[in-house]
Amino acid sequence: MIVTFTANPSLDRTVALPGPLERGEVQRAVSVTQESGGKGVNVSRALVASGLESLAVLPGADSDPVLAGLRATSVPFVSLPIDEPLRTNVALTEPGGVTTKINEPGPALDDNQQEALLKLLLESSRGASWVVLAGSLPPGFPSDFYATAARRLRSAADGGSPGRTPLIAVDSSGQPLAAALTGGAEGMPDLLKPNAEELAELAAAAGFATAAADELEADPAAAAEAASAVVRSGVGAVLATLGSKGAVLVTADGAWLATHPPVAAVSTVGAGDSALAGYLLAHSQGAAPADCLRQAVAHGAAAASLPGSTVPAVHQTTPEAVTITALRKD
């Protein structure tokens, strides 16, 4: 089973526009879709859609629309009851897939609620193969919360919890992502899933003078070098998504680039989350690293071709269309 943890889940509303966004003007939407979201929630949705067992851990009142949406789509979850409503995020998509996102901050959780949420994660992760710590953190959370969660997860397993110690993936941004490198050996993730902008920040945090995000996205070899610096800091692997350029995977043993033929992009919302789900799906089936990367890119491409924050099932992906190239590590 793969457990996902989303501290700051959301109700994701996607508004499709008939043309380019015009600031200050009145525009009529072509369509509006709504899904339960947040990075970890999206990963669980994609895994369940592909027939893999997953459990989403998140805060939220029993009557909250986010939890109602998970029930309606048969995504298993456990939640910490809170009084405040979960946030609503709005994405505006233009023809061609250009997306503008407006994300609310989310409800603040006090220290007791943070500890209760962490304990719920620990209890729910017994016997899990992977735990995915994903998304932004709500107001009031310490930036190193994910590093603390990783240490606590491993300590709980070492202390006699049934099952093996789960592998830990982190997919976040800003300070929570950078702080994932500060947890010492026990807090280091087994997998990080940055985009180009986040990879540039991670490489800088690892002491590697790297290029700007747009340069990394345009140059997969440079992205692989930056990811290698992050791996040298103690992270098990880096899966860096590079938009239409595909993705690179770097481990201690190698580096690979995966590309997919161009797709007609409809919405990029959740494409990175679907890519992570594709990687985990292949890994759970015993695939080699390059083939995990292959499925990640196939999932991401399929997600970009779907409306709103719709996630693809594995039968909607085309891994056979993905080209894998071994890269020389720095």
C-alpha atoms as a PDB file:
ATOM      1  CA  MET A   1       0.000   0.000   0.000  1.00  0.00           C
ATOM      2  CA  ILE A   2       1.090   3.565  -0.704  1.00  0.00           C
ATOM      3  CA  VAL A   3       0.112   6.185   1.873  1.00  0.00           C
ATOM      4  CA  THR A   4      -0.079   9.847   0.891  1.00  0.00           C
ATOM      5  CA  PHE A   5      -0.018  12.730   3.344  1.00  0.00           C
ATOM      6  CA  THR A   6      -1.553  16.080   2.417  1.00  0.00           C
ATOM      7  CA  ALA A   7      -1.427  18.625   5.238  1.00  0.00           C
ATOM      8  CA  ASN A   8      -3.033  21.358   3.124  1.00  0.00           C
ATOM      9  CA  PRO A   9      -5.644  19.688   0.880  1.00  0.00           C
ATOM     10  CA  SER A  10      -7.976  21.663  -1.326  1.00  0.00           C
ATOM     11  CA  LEU A  11     -11.075  21.679  -3.422  1.00  0.00           C
ATOM     12  CA  ASP A  12      -9.647  22.298  -6.888  1.00  0.00           C
ATOM     13  CA  ARG A  13     -11.875  24.252  -9.273  1.00  0.00           C
ATOM     14  CA  THR A  14     -10.697  24.525 -12.856  1.00  0.00           C
ATOM     15  CA  VAL A  15     -12.233  27.193 -15.096  1.00  0.00           C
ATOM     16  CA  ALA A  16     -11.638  26.639 -18.815  1.00  0.00           C
ATOM     17  CA  LEU A  17     -11.530  29.851 -20.871  1.00  0.00           C
ATOM     18  CA  PRO A  18     -12.347  30.051 -24.609  1.00  0.00           C
ATOM     19  CA  GLY A  19      -9.292  32.204 -25.296  1.00  0.00           C
ATOM     20  CA  PRO A  20      -6.340  33.882 -23.575  1.00  0.00           C
ATOM     21  CA  LEU A  21      -6.884  35.319 -20.103  1.00  0.00           C
ATOM     22  CA  GLU A  22      -7.685  39.027 -20.371  1.00  0.00           C
ATOM     23  CA  ARG A  23      -6.891  40.905 -17.176  1.00  0.00           C
ATOM     24  CA  GLY A  24      -9.552  43.360 -16.085  1.00  0.00           C
ATOM     25  CA  GLU A  25     -12.113  42.036 -18.564  1.00  0.00           C
ATOM     26  CA  VAL A  26     -15.277  39.937 -18.227  1.00  0.00           C
ATOM     27  CA  GLN A  27     -14.856  36.475 -19.743  1.00  0.00           C
ATOM     28  CA  ARG A  28     -17.291  33.575 -19.924  1.00  0.00           C
ATOM     29  CA  ALA A  29     -16.080  30.126 -19.010  1.00  0.00           C
ATOM     30  CA  VAL A  30     -16.389  27.214 -21.398  1.00  0.00           C
ATOM     31  CA  SER A  31     -16.600  24.758 -18.500  1.00  0.00           C
ATOM     32  CA  VAL A  32     -15.936  24.413 -14.788  1.00  0.00           C
ATOM     33  CA  THR A  33     -14.732  21.202 -13.144  1.00  0.00           C
ATOM     34  CA  GLN A  34     -14.177  20.410  -9.483  1.00  0.00           C
ATOM     35  CA  GLU A  35     -12.048  17.724  -7.809  1.00  0.00           C
ATOM     36  CA  SER A  36     -10.715  16.923  -4.359  1.00  0.00           C
ATOM     37  CA  GLY A  37      -7.083  17.945  -4.548  1.00  0.00           C
ATOM     38  CA  GLY A  38      -3.755  18.715  -3.005  1.00  0.00           C
ATOM     39  CA  LYS A  39      -0.602  16.959  -4.195  1.00  0.00           C
ATOM     40  CA  GLY A  40      -0.872  13.868  -2.017  1.00  0.00           C
ATOM     41  CA  VAL A  41      -4.594  13.532  -2.674  1.00  0.00           C
ATOM     42  CA  ASN A  42      -3.926  13.699  -6.422  1.00  0.00           C
ATOM     43  CA  VAL A  43      -1.301  10.960  -6.156  1.00  0.00           C
ATOM     44  CA  SER A  44      -3.761   8.720  -4.285  1.00  0.00           C
ATOM     45  CA  ARG A  45      -6.472   9.442  -6.849  1.00  0.00           C
ATOM     46  CA  ALA A  46      -4.139   8.457  -9.699  1.00  0.00           C
ATOM     47  CA  LEU A  47      -2.959   5.285  -7.957  1.00  0.00           C
ATOM     48  CA  VAL A  48      -6.486   4.156  -7.133  1.00  0.00           C
ATOM     49  CA  ALA A  49      -7.574   4.881 -10.717  1.00  0.00           C
ATOM     50  CA  SER A  50      -4.856   2.456 -11.836  1.00  0.00           C
ATOM     51  CA  GLY A  51      -5.918  -0.268  -9.412  1.00  0.00           C
ATOM     52  CA  LEU A  52      -3.192   0.211  -6.794  1.00  0.00           C
ATOM     53  CA  GLU A  53      -4.044   0.334  -3.104  1.00  0.00           C
ATOM     54  CA  SER A  54      -3.535   3.790  -1.617  1.00  0.00           C
ATOM     55  CA  LEU A  55      -4.658   5.637   1.493  1.00  0.00           C
ATOM     56  CA  ALA A  56      -4.835   9.434   1.735  1.00  0.00           C
ATOM     57  CA  VAL A  57      -4.138  11.030   5.134  1.00  0.00           C
ATOM     58  CA  LEU A  58      -5.360  14.603   5.544  1.00  0.00           C
ATOM     59  CA  PRO A  59      -7.179  17.020   7.861  1.00  0.00           C
ATOM     60  CA  GLY A  60     -10.799  17.974   7.316  1.00  0.00           C
ATOM     61  CA  ALA A  61     -14.278  17.932   8.801  1.00  0.00           C
ATOM     62  CA  ASP A  62     -16.385  14.919   7.905  1.00  0.00           C
ATOM     63  CA  SER A  63     -18.784  17.140   5.946  1.00  0.00           C
ATOM     64  CA  ASP A  64     -16.069  19.037   4.056  1.00  0.00           C
ATOM     65  CA  PRO A  65     -16.483  18.966   0.252  1.00  0.00           C
ATOM     66  CA  VAL A  66     -12.926  17.655  -0.154  1.00  0.00           C
ATOM     67  CA  LEU A  67     -13.710  14.551   1.889  1.00  0.00           C
ATOM     68  CA  ALA A  68     -17.085  14.200   0.199  1.00  0.00           C
ATOM     69  CA  GLY A  69     -15.311  14.184  -3.148  1.00  0.00           C
ATOM     70  CA  LEU A  70     -12.981  11.407  -2.038  1.00  0.00           C
ATOM     71  CA  ARG A  71     -15.933   9.318  -0.915  1.00  0.00           C
ATOM     72  CA  ALA A  72     -17.706   9.895  -4.216  1.00  0.00           C
ATOM     73  CA  THR A  73     -14.679   8.652  -6.166  1.00  0.00           C
ATOM     74  CA  SER A  74     -13.973   5.714  -3.805  1.00  0.00           C
ATOM     75  CA  VAL A  75     -10.537   6.963  -2.748  1.00  0.00           C
ATOM     76  CA  PRO A  76      -9.768   5.550   0.726  1.00  0.00           C
ATOM     77  CA  PHE A  77      -8.776   8.155   3.315  1.00  0.00           C
ATOM     78  CA  VAL A  78      -8.421   8.859   7.015  1.00  0.00           C
ATOM     79  CA  SER A  79      -8.830  12.387   8.319  1.00  0.00           C
ATOM     80  CA  LEU A  80      -8.188  14.485  11.398  1.00  0.00           C
ATOM     81  CA  PRO A  81     -11.385  16.413  12.162  1.00  0.00           C
ATOM     82  CA  ILE A  82     -10.941  20.195  12.222  1.00  0.00           C
ATOM     83  CA  ASP A  83     -13.445  23.022  12.558  1.00  0.00           C
ATOM     84  CA  GLU A  84     -12.247  25.251   9.728  1.00  0.00           C
ATOM     85  CA  PRO A  85     -13.196  24.517   6.098  1.00  0.00           C
ATOM     86  CA  LEU A  86     -10.438  23.368   3.777  1.00  0.00           C
ATOM     87  CA  ARG A  87      -9.239  25.772   1.109  1.00  0.00           C
ATOM     88  CA  THR A  88     -10.431  26.172  -2.461  1.00  0.00           C
ATOM     89  CA  ASN A  89      -7.882  26.589  -5.250  1.00  0.00           C
ATOM     90  CA  VAL A  90      -8.843  28.012  -8.635  1.00  0.00           C
ATOM     91  CA  ALA A  91      -7.061  27.282 -11.912  1.00  0.00           C
ATOM     92  CA  LEU A  92      -7.769  29.231 -15.108  1.00  0.00           C
ATOM     93  CA  THR A  93      -6.847  27.271 -18.218  1.00  0.00           C
ATOM     94  CA  GLU A  94      -6.449  28.758 -21.678  1.00  0.00           C
ATOM     95  CA  PRO A  95      -6.500  26.891 -24.994  1.00  0.00           C
ATOM     96  CA  GLY A  96      -3.157  25.151 -25.385  1.00  0.00           C
ATOM     97  CA  GLY A  97      -2.895  24.344 -21.688  1.00  0.00           C
ATOM     98  CA  VAL A  98      -1.567  27.652 -20.296  1.00  0.00           C
ATOM     99  CA  THR A  99      -2.687  27.616 -16.660  1.00  0.00           C
ATOM    100  CA  THR A 100      -2.989  30.375 -14.072  1.00  0.00           C
ATOM    101  CA  LYS A 101      -3.454  29.147 -10.498  1.00  0.00           C
ATOM    102  CA  ILE A 102      -4.787  31.008  -7.465  1.00  0.00           C
ATOM    103  CA  ASN A 103      -4.171  29.028  -4.283  1.00  0.00           C
ATOM    104  CA  GLU A 104      -5.655  29.924  -0.905  1.00  0.00           C
ATOM    105  CA  PRO A 105      -3.432  29.582   2.195  1.00  0.00           C
ATOM    106  CA  GLY A 106      -5.604  26.997   3.940  1.00  0.00           C
ATOM    107  CA  PRO A 107      -6.709  26.754   7.586  1.00  0.00           C
ATOM    108  CA  ALA A 108      -4.111  27.139  10.326  1.00  0.00           C
ATOM    109  CA  LEU A 109      -3.547  24.145  12.623  1.00  0.00           C
ATOM    110  CA  ASP A 110      -2.215  24.635  16.157  1.00  0.00           C
ATOM    111  CA  ASP A 111       0.615  22.603  17.700  1.00  0.00           C
ATOM    112  CA  ASN A 112      -1.746  19.998  19.145  1.00  0.00           C
ATOM    113  CA  GLN A 113      -3.469  19.498  15.806  1.00  0.00           C
ATOM    114  CA  GLN A 114      -0.127  19.229  14.014  1.00  0.00           C
ATOM    115  CA  GLU A 115       0.997  16.512  16.425  1.00  0.00           C
ATOM    116  CA  ALA A 116      -2.344  14.698  16.121  1.00  0.00           C
ATOM    117  CA  LEU A 117      -2.085  14.783  12.321  1.00  0.00           C
ATOM    118  CA  LEU A 118       1.450  13.417  12.468  1.00  0.00           C
ATOM    119  CA  LYS A 119       0.374  10.604  14.802  1.00  0.00           C
ATOM    120  CA  LEU A 120      -2.462   9.756  12.421  1.00  0.00           C
ATOM    121  CA  LEU A 121       0.117   9.482   9.631  1.00  0.00           C
ATOM    122  CA  LEU A 122       2.329   7.201  11.722  1.00  0.00           C
ATOM    123  CA  GLU A 123      -0.582   4.924  12.620  1.00  0.00           C
ATOM    124  CA  SER A 124      -1.814   4.795   9.023  1.00  0.00           C
ATOM    125  CA  SER A 125       1.607   4.018   7.547  1.00  0.00           C
ATOM    126  CA  ARG A 126       2.255   0.703   9.283  1.00  0.00           C
ATOM    127  CA  GLY A 127       3.135  -1.813   6.620  1.00  0.00           C
ATOM    128  CA  ALA A 128       3.112   0.752   3.795  1.00  0.00           C
ATOM    129  CA  SER A 129       5.639   0.362   0.982  1.00  0.00           C
ATOM    130  CA  TRP A 130       5.816   4.122   0.334  1.00  0.00           C
ATOM    131  CA  VAL A 131       4.749   7.248   2.199  1.00  0.00           C
ATOM    132  CA  VAL A 132       4.349  10.369   0.057  1.00  0.00           C
ATOM    133  CA  LEU A 133       4.674  13.697   1.902  1.00  0.00           C
ATOM    134  CA  ALA A 134       3.293  16.217  -0.530  1.00  0.00           C
ATOM    135  CA  GLY A 135       2.167  19.766  -1.096  1.00  0.00           C
ATOM    136  CA  SER A 136       2.392  23.052   0.741  1.00  0.00           C
ATOM    137  CA  LEU A 137       2.109  23.306   4.513  1.00  0.00           C
ATOM    138  CA  PRO A 138      -0.748  25.181   6.188  1.00  0.00           C
ATOM    139  CA  PRO A 139      -0.075  28.424   8.076  1.00  0.00           C
ATOM    140  CA  GLY A 140       1.741  27.836  11.352  1.00  0.00           C
ATOM    141  CA  PHE A 141       3.536  24.630  10.369  1.00  0.00           C
ATOM    142  CA  PRO A 142       7.345  24.584  10.815  1.00  0.00           C
ATOM    143  CA  SER A 143       9.156  24.494   7.491  1.00  0.00           C
ATOM    144  CA  ASP A 144      10.996  21.290   8.502  1.00  0.00           C
ATOM    145  CA  PHE A 145       7.771  19.370   9.140  1.00  0.00           C
ATOM    146  CA  TYR A 146       8.470  16.884   6.356  1.00  0.00           C
ATOM    147  CA  ALA A 147      11.977  16.151   7.663  1.00  0.00           C
ATOM    148  CA  THR A 148      10.474  15.600  11.120  1.00  0.00           C
ATOM    149  CA  ALA A 149       7.787  13.338   9.669  1.00  0.00           C
ATOM    150  CA  ALA A 150      10.431  11.259   7.853  1.00  0.00           C
ATOM    151  CA  ARG A 151      12.443  10.802  11.035  1.00  0.00           C
ATOM    152  CA  ARG A 152       9.331   9.861  13.021  1.00  0.00           C
ATOM    153  CA  LEU A 153       8.229   7.368  10.364  1.00  0.00           C
ATOM    154  CA  ARG A 154      11.590   5.613  10.417  1.00  0.00           C
ATOM    155  CA  SER A 155      11.819   5.719  14.197  1.00  0.00           C
ATOM    156  CA  ALA A 156       8.354   4.153  14.493  1.00  0.00           C
ATOM    157  CA  ALA A 157       9.357   1.323  12.164  1.00  0.00           C
ATOM    158  CA  ASP A 158      12.635   0.759  14.032  1.00  0.00           C
ATOM    159  CA  GLY A 159      10.690   0.680  17.290  1.00  0.00           C
ATOM    160  CA  GLY A 160       8.774  -2.441  16.365  1.00  0.00           C
ATOM    161  CA  SER A 161       5.849  -1.364  14.204  1.00  0.00           C
ATOM    162  CA  PRO A 162       4.787  -4.277  11.984  1.00  0.00           C
ATOM    163  CA  GLY A 163       6.077  -4.320   8.435  1.00  0.00           C
ATOM    164  CA  ARG A 164       9.152  -2.815   6.860  1.00  0.00           C
ATOM    165  CA  THR A 165      10.232   0.794   7.028  1.00  0.00           C
ATOM    166  CA  PRO A 166       8.398   2.599   4.208  1.00  0.00           C
ATOM    167  CA  LEU A 167      10.249   4.413   1.495  1.00  0.00           C
ATOM    168  CA  ILE A 168       9.591   8.149   1.692  1.00  0.00           C
ATOM    169  CA  ALA A 169       8.905  10.527  -1.198  1.00  0.00           C
ATOM    170  CA  VAL A 170       8.626  14.311  -0.828  1.00  0.00           C
ATOM    171  CA  ASP A 171       6.953  16.576  -3.373  1.00  0.00           C
ATOM    172  CA  SER A 172       6.709  20.169  -2.187  1.00  0.00           C
ATOM    173  CA  SER A 173       8.160  23.601  -2.902  1.00  0.00           C
ATOM    174  CA  GLY A 174       9.851  26.554  -1.224  1.00  0.00           C
ATOM    175  CA  GLN A 175      11.039  26.213   2.361  1.00  0.00           C
ATOM    176  CA  PRO A 176       9.309  22.877   3.108  1.00  0.00           C
ATOM    177  CA  LEU A 177      11.132  21.322   0.151  1.00  0.00           C
ATOM    178  CA  ALA A 178      14.520  22.851   0.958  1.00  0.00           C
ATOM    179  CA  ALA A 179      14.150  21.829   4.616  1.00  0.00           C
ATOM    180  CA  ALA A 180      13.711  18.220   3.511  1.00  0.00           C
ATOM    181  CA  LEU A 181      17.509  18.215   3.061  1.00  0.00           C
ATOM    182  CA  THR A 182      18.148  19.318   6.656  1.00  0.00           C
ATOM    183  CA  GLY A 183      16.815  16.315   8.557  1.00  0.00           C
ATOM    184  CA  GLY A 184      20.049  14.346   8.734  1.00  0.00           C
ATOM    185  CA  ALA A 185      20.383  10.770   7.548  1.00  0.00           C
ATOM    186  CA  GLU A 186      17.167   9.675   9.250  1.00  0.00           C
ATOM    187  CA  GLY A 187      15.166  12.491   7.683  1.00  0.00           C
ATOM    188  CA  MET A 188      16.437  12.262   4.107  1.00  0.00           C
ATOM    189  CA  PRO A 189      13.822  11.279   1.506  1.00  0.00           C
ATOM    190  CA  ASP A 190      14.261   8.229  -0.688  1.00  0.00           C
ATOM    191  CA  LEU A 191      12.769  10.239  -3.556  1.00  0.00           C
ATOM    192  CA  LEU A 192      12.287  13.935  -4.296  1.00  0.00           C
ATOM    193  CA  LYS A 193       9.975  15.065  -7.116  1.00  0.00           C
ATOM    194  CA  PRO A 194      10.781  18.699  -8.040  1.00  0.00           C
ATOM    195  CA  ASN A 195       9.951  20.641 -11.177  1.00  0.00           C
ATOM    196  CA  ALA A 196      12.656  22.756 -12.811  1.00  0.00           C
ATOM    197  CA  GLU A 197      12.135  25.754 -10.522  1.00  0.00           C
ATOM    198  CA  GLU A 198      12.166  23.595  -7.420  1.00  0.00           C
ATOM    199  CA  LEU A 199      15.218  21.685  -8.652  1.00  0.00           C
ATOM    200  CA  ALA A 200      17.140  24.952  -8.969  1.00  0.00           C
ATOM    201  CA  GLU A 201      16.239  25.786  -5.362  1.00  0.00           C
ATOM    202  CA  LEU A 202      17.176  22.306  -4.138  1.00  0.00           C
ATOM    203  CA  ALA A 203      20.521  22.338  -5.923  1.00  0.00           C
ATOM    204  CA  ALA A 204      21.338  25.719  -4.383  1.00  0.00           C
ATOM    205  CA  ALA A 205      20.406  24.365  -0.941  1.00  0.00           C
ATOM    206  CA  ALA A 206      22.751  21.430  -1.592  1.00  0.00           C
ATOM    207  CA  GLY A 207      25.586  23.873  -2.327  1.00  0.00           C
ATOM    208  CA  PHE A 208      25.553  23.501  -6.114  1.00  0.00           C
ATOM    209  CA  ALA A 209      25.707  26.678  -8.193  1.00  0.00           C
ATOM    210  CA  THR A 210      23.189  25.903 -10.866  1.00  0.00           C
ATOM    211  CA  ALA A 211      21.427  27.589 -13.755  1.00  0.00           C
ATOM    212  CA  ALA A 212      18.077  29.334 -13.648  1.00  0.00           C
ATOM    213  CA  ALA A 213      14.940  27.235 -13.752  1.00  0.00           C
ATOM    214  CA  ASP A 214      14.180  27.987 -17.413  1.00  0.00           C
ATOM    215  CA  GLU A 215      17.695  26.901 -18.362  1.00  0.00           C
ATOM    216  CA  LEU A 216      17.322  23.634 -16.467  1.00  0.00           C
ATOM    217  CA  GLU A 217      14.006  22.970 -18.174  1.00  0.00           C
ATOM    218  CA  ALA A 218      15.563  23.600 -21.570  1.00  0.00           C
ATOM    219  CA  ASP A 219      18.722  21.549 -20.877  1.00  0.00           C
ATOM    220  CA  PRO A 220      18.070  18.096 -19.392  1.00  0.00           C
ATOM    221  CA  ALA A 221      21.803  17.443 -19.031  1.00  0.00           C
ATOM    222  CA  ALA A 222      22.116  20.497 -16.800  1.00  0.00           C
ATOM    223  CA  ALA A 223      19.047  19.351 -14.869  1.00  0.00           C
ATOM    224  CA  ALA A 224      20.683  15.971 -14.336  1.00  0.00           C
ATOM    225  CA  GLU A 225      23.824  17.662 -13.003  1.00  0.00           C
ATOM    226  CA  ALA A 226      21.750  19.696 -10.553  1.00  0.00           C
ATOM    227  CA  ALA A 227      19.841  16.577  -9.486  1.00  0.00           C
ATOM    228  CA  SER A 228      23.143  14.734  -9.000  1.00  0.00           C
ATOM    229  CA  ALA A 229      24.200  17.394  -6.494  1.00  0.00           C
ATOM    230  CA  VAL A 230      20.991  16.772  -4.551  1.00  0.00           C
ATOM    231  CA  VAL A 231      21.587  13.009  -4.592  1.00  0.00           C
ATOM    232  CA  ARG A 232      25.113  13.549  -3.268  1.00  0.00           C
ATOM    233  CA  SER A 233      23.589  15.354  -0.280  1.00  0.00           C
ATOM    234  CA  GLY A 234      22.008  12.069   0.782  1.00  0.00           C
ATOM    235  CA  VAL A 235      18.691  11.864  -1.094  1.00  0.00           C
ATOM    236  CA  GLY A 236      18.048   8.450  -2.621  1.00  0.00           C
ATOM    237  CA  ALA A 237      16.783   9.656  -6.005  1.00  0.00           C
ATOM    238  CA  VAL A 238      15.526  12.788  -7.751  1.00  0.00           C
ATOM    239  CA  LEU A 239      12.701  12.661 -10.295  1.00  0.00           C
ATOM    240  CA  ALA A 240      12.707  16.112 -11.911  1.00  0.00           C
ATOM    241  CA  THR A 241       9.829  16.943 -14.246  1.00  0.00           C
ATOM    242  CA  LEU A 242      10.729  19.390 -17.013  1.00  0.00           C
ATOM    243  CA  GLY A 243       7.374  20.199 -18.593  1.00  0.00           C
ATOM    244  CA  SER A 244       7.239  19.436 -22.306  1.00  0.00           C
ATOM    245  CA  LYS A 245      10.922  18.418 -22.196  1.00  0.00           C
ATOM    246  CA  GLY A 246      10.038  15.279 -20.234  1.00  0.00           C
ATOM    247  CA  ALA A 247      11.787  14.338 -17.001  1.00  0.00           C
ATOM    248  CA  VAL A 248      15.118  13.199 -15.637  1.00  0.00           C
ATOM    249  CA  LEU A 249      15.751  10.603 -12.970  1.00  0.00           C
ATOM    250  CA  VAL A 250      19.028  10.584 -11.066  1.00  0.00           C
ATOM    251  CA  THR A 251      20.118   7.973  -8.521  1.00  0.00           C
ATOM    252  CA  ALA A 252      23.497   7.057  -7.091  1.00  0.00           C
ATOM    253  CA  ASP A 253      23.803   4.495  -9.895  1.00  0.00           C
ATOM    254  CA  GLY A 254      22.775   6.431 -12.971  1.00  0.00           C
ATOM    255  CA  ALA A 255      20.880   9.206 -14.711  1.00  0.00           C
ATOM    256  CA  TRP A 256      18.217   9.001 -17.400  1.00  0.00           C
ATOM    257  CA  LEU A 257      16.134  11.329 -19.553  1.00  0.00           C
ATOM    258  CA  ALA A 258      12.626  10.402 -20.672  1.00  0.00           C
ATOM    259  CA  THR A 259      10.692  12.236 -23.366  1.00  0.00           C
ATOM    260  CA  HIS A 260       7.203  11.778 -24.755  1.00  0.00           C
ATOM    261  CA  PRO A 261       5.917  12.946 -28.162  1.00  0.00           C
ATOM    262  CA  PRO A 262       4.013  16.251 -27.888  1.00  0.00           C
ATOM    263  CA  VAL A 263       0.437  15.991 -26.671  1.00  0.00           C
ATOM    264  CA  ALA A 264      -2.436  18.418 -27.112  1.00  0.00           C
ATOM    265  CA  ALA A 265      -2.262  20.018 -23.673  1.00  0.00           C
ATOM    266  CA  VAL A 266      -5.612  20.821 -22.075  1.00  0.00           C
ATOM    267  CA  SER A 267      -4.629  21.463 -18.449  1.00  0.00           C
ATOM    268  CA  THR A 268      -1.320  21.067 -16.645  1.00  0.00           C
ATOM    269  CA  VAL A 269      -2.969  20.991 -13.202  1.00  0.00           C
ATOM    270  CA  GLY A 270      -1.848  17.842 -11.405  1.00  0.00           C
ATOM    271  CA  ALA A 271       0.450  16.621 -14.196  1.00  0.00           C
ATOM    272  CA  GLY A 272       3.439  16.492 -11.847  1.00  0.00           C
ATOM    273  CA  ASP A 273       1.395  14.614  -9.242  1.00  0.00           C
ATOM    274  CA  SER A 274       0.361  12.098 -11.893  1.00  0.00           C
ATOM    275  CA  ALA A 275       4.012  11.702 -12.905  1.00  0.00           C
ATOM    276  CA  LEU A 276       4.903  10.802  -9.326  1.00  0.00           C
ATOM    277  CA  ALA A 277       1.999   8.335  -9.227  1.00  0.00           C
ATOM    278  CA  GLY A 278       3.263   6.725 -12.440  1.00  0.00           C
ATOM    279  CA  TYR A 279       6.735   6.310 -10.949  1.00  0.00           C
ATOM    280  CA  LEU A 280       5.328   4.741  -7.779  1.00  0.00           C
ATOM    281  CA  LEU A 281       3.031   2.475  -9.776  1.00  0.00           C
ATOM    282  CA  ALA A 282       5.962   1.084 -11.783  1.00  0.00           C
ATOM    283  CA  HIS A 283       8.187   0.832  -8.703  1.00  0.00           C
ATOM    284  CA  SER A 284       5.509  -1.171  -6.893  1.00  0.00           C
ATOM    285  CA  GLN A 285       5.617  -3.647  -9.779  1.00  0.00           C
ATOM    286  CA  GLY A 286       9.381  -4.098  -9.456  1.00  0.00           C
ATOM    287  CA  ALA A 287      10.348  -2.051 -12.501  1.00  0.00           C
ATOM    288  CA  ALA A 288      13.909  -0.866 -13.018  1.00  0.00           C
ATOM    289  CA  PRO A 289      14.633   2.858 -12.440  1.00  0.00           C
ATOM    290  CA  ALA A 290      14.519   3.749 -16.145  1.00  0.00           C
ATOM    291  CA  ASP A 291      11.153   2.047 -16.515  1.00  0.00           C
ATOM    292  CA  CYS A 292       9.815   3.826 -13.423  1.00  0.00           C
ATOM    293  CA  LEU A 293      10.824   7.048 -15.174  1.00  0.00           C
ATOM    294  CA  ARG A 294       9.137   5.840 -18.371  1.00  0.00           C
ATOM    295  CA  GLN A 295       5.800   5.368 -16.603  1.00  0.00           C
ATOM    296  CA  ALA A 296       6.187   8.682 -14.770  1.00  0.00           C
ATOM    297  CA  VAL A 297       6.473  10.596 -18.046  1.00  0.00           C
ATOM    298  CA  ALA A 298       3.644   8.603 -19.609  1.00  0.00           C
ATOM    299  CA  HIS A 299       1.387   9.472 -16.675  1.00  0.00           C
ATOM    300  CA  GLY A 300       2.368  13.151 -16.745  1.00  0.00           C
ATOM    301  CA  ALA A 301       1.728  13.448 -20.483  1.00  0.00           C
ATOM    302  CA  ALA A 302      -1.657  11.753 -20.143  1.00  0.00           C
ATOM    303  CA  ALA A 303      -2.645  14.093 -17.307  1.00  0.00           C
ATOM    304  CA  ALA A 304      -1.775  17.184 -19.364  1.00  0.00           C
ATOM    305  CA  SER A 305      -4.128  16.001 -22.106  1.00  0.00           C
ATOM    306  CA  LEU A 306      -7.094  15.715 -19.712  1.00  0.00           C
ATOM    307  CA  PRO A 307      -9.347  18.560 -18.494  1.00  0.00           C
ATOM    308  CA  GLY A 308      -9.047  20.216 -15.090  1.00  0.00           C
ATOM    309  CA  SER A 309      -7.249  18.175 -12.457  1.00  0.00           C
ATOM    310  CA  THR A 310      -8.403  14.859 -13.914  1.00  0.00           C
ATOM    311  CA  VAL A 311      -5.865  12.101 -13.272  1.00  0.00           C
ATOM    312  CA  PRO A 312      -5.254   9.300 -15.777  1.00  0.00           C
ATOM    313  CA  ALA A 313      -5.575   5.582 -15.186  1.00  0.00           C
ATOM    314  CA  VAL A 314      -2.691   3.457 -16.412  1.00  0.00           C
ATOM    315  CA  HIS A 315      -4.670   2.262 -19.452  1.00  0.00           C
ATOM    316  CA  GLN A 316      -4.877   5.896 -20.627  1.00  0.00           C
ATOM    317  CA  THR A 317      -1.095   6.243 -20.692  1.00  0.00           C
ATOM    318  CA  THR A 318       1.339   5.384 -23.494  1.00  0.00           C
ATOM    319  CA  PRO A 319       4.641   4.287 -21.948  1.00  0.00           C
ATOM    320  CA  GLU A 320       5.576   2.627 -25.236  1.00  0.00           C
ATOM    321  CA  ALA A 321       5.789   6.131 -26.761  1.00  0.00           C
ATOM    322  CA  VAL A 322       8.376   7.290 -24.213  1.00  0.00           C
ATOM    323  CA  THR A 323      12.028   7.442 -25.260  1.00  0.00           C
ATOM    324  CA  ILE A 324      14.641   6.763 -22.564  1.00  0.00           C
ATOM    325  CA  THR A 325      18.182   8.114 -22.903  1.00  0.00           C
ATOM    326  CA  ALA A 326      20.953   7.281 -20.457  1.00  0.00           C
ATOM    327  CA  LEU A 327      22.776  10.428 -19.372  1.00  0.00           C
ATOM    328  CA  ARG A 328      26.335  10.686 -18.266  1.00  0.00           C
ATOM    329  CA  LYS A 329      26.488  11.712 -14.625  1.00  0.00           C
ATOM    330  CA  ASP A 330      28.707  14.624 -13.593  1.00  0.00           C
END
